[in-house]
Amino acid sequence: MLGIITWQYRRQLKRIRQNSAEQKAMRQAMMALLRDRFFEGYRRYMRQGFYPIPDRQVMQDIYDQYHALGGNGVITHLMEE
């Protein structure tokens, strides 16, 4: 009986670790996409010389979600410009 419980515990633990690794990879991929989208918008607006108000909200949303996922201060610096 104890052997079955131990086997089941190890099996669940392996599944939890696998899910955790997948979630970490998905979070990192999402952060990379958000960062890329932010930089693309930043470059475009700097070339244009203006920043339309509706696009500001989009960039703010990207910024907020990037930081909610644990993003660093590089985008914060650009957002302040």
Protein backbone atom coordinates (compact mmCIF):
# COMPACT_ATOMS: atom_id res chain seq x y z
CA MET A 1 0.00 0.00 0.00
CA LEU A 2 2.78 2.40 0.92
CA GLY A 3 4.50 1.61 -2.37
CA ILE A 4 1.41 2.68 -4.33
CA ILE A 5 1.10 5.92 -2.37
CA THR A 6 4.80 6.68 -2.91
CA TRP A 7 4.52 5.94 -6.63
CA GLN A 8 1.43 8.16 -6.94
CA TYR A 9 3.16 10.96 -5.00
CA ARG A 10 6.24 10.83 -7.24
CA ARG A 11 4.09 10.77 -10.33
CA GLN A 12 2.16 13.89 -9.20
CA LEU A 13 5.37 15.66 -8.19
CA LYS A 14 6.86 14.98 -11.63
CA ARG A 15 3.71 16.37 -13.28
CA ILE A 16 3.80 19.50 -11.09
CA ARG A 17 7.47 20.13 -11.93
CA GLN A 18 6.78 19.67 -15.64
CA ASN A 19 3.85 22.10 -15.52
CA SER A 20 5.95 24.61 -13.60
CA ALA A 21 8.71 24.46 -16.23
CA GLU A 22 6.15 24.89 -19.01
CA GLN A 23 4.57 27.87 -17.24
CA LYS A 24 7.97 29.49 -16.80
CA ALA A 25 8.73 29.02 -20.50
CA MET A 26 5.33 30.47 -21.46
CA ARG A 27 5.87 33.47 -19.16
CA GLN A 28 9.29 34.13 -20.67
CA ALA A 29 7.93 33.80 -24.20
CA MET A 30 5.09 36.20 -23.43
CA MET A 31 7.53 38.69 -21.92
CA ALA A 32 9.71 38.48 -25.04
CA LEU A 33 6.69 39.16 -27.27
CA LEU A 34 5.53 42.08 -25.13
CA ARG A 35 9.04 43.52 -25.04
CA ASP A 36 9.36 43.21 -28.82
CA ARG A 37 5.97 44.87 -29.37
CA PHE A 38 6.89 47.68 -27.01
CA PHE A 39 10.24 48.33 -28.70
CA GLU A 40 8.62 48.27 -32.14
CA GLY A 41 6.04 50.84 -31.06
CA TYR A 42 8.68 52.95 -29.36
CA ARG A 43 10.86 53.05 -32.50
CA ARG A 44 7.87 53.90 -34.70
CA TYR A 45 6.72 56.77 -32.50
CA MET A 46 10.24 58.15 -32.20
CA ARG A 47 10.55 58.17 -36.02
CA GLN A 48 7.14 59.83 -36.42
CA GLY A 49 7.88 62.41 -33.80
CA PHE A 50 4.42 62.09 -32.21
CA TYR A 51 2.52 59.60 -30.09
CA PRO A 52 -1.26 59.34 -30.79
CA ILE A 53 -3.39 59.15 -27.64
CA PRO A 54 -5.11 55.80 -28.44
CA ASP A 55 -1.70 54.25 -29.03
CA ARG A 56 -0.50 55.55 -25.68
CA GLN A 57 -3.11 53.39 -23.96
CA VAL A 58 -1.98 50.34 -25.92
CA MET A 59 1.63 50.98 -24.95
CA GLN A 60 0.60 51.50 -21.32
CA ASP A 61 -1.25 48.16 -21.36
CA ILE A 62 1.81 46.41 -22.82
CA TYR A 63 3.99 48.05 -20.17
CA ASP A 64 1.64 47.05 -17.32
CA GLN A 65 1.41 43.42 -18.40
CA TYR A 66 5.15 43.17 -18.98
CA HIS A 67 5.80 44.29 -15.42
CA ALA A 68 3.03 42.06 -14.03
CA LEU A 69 4.96 39.14 -15.49
CA GLY A 70 8.15 40.29 -13.75
CA GLY A 71 9.75 42.46 -16.45
CA ASN A 72 12.74 44.63 -15.67
CA GLY A 73 13.34 48.37 -15.76
CA VAL A 74 14.52 48.72 -19.37
CA ILE A 75 11.00 49.36 -20.60
CA THR A 76 10.36 51.64 -17.63
CA HIS A 77 13.18 53.87 -18.81
CA LEU A 78 11.74 54.00 -22.34
CA MET A 79 8.22 54.56 -21.02
CA GLU A 80 9.40 57.60 -19.10
CA GLU A 81 10.81 59.17 -22.28
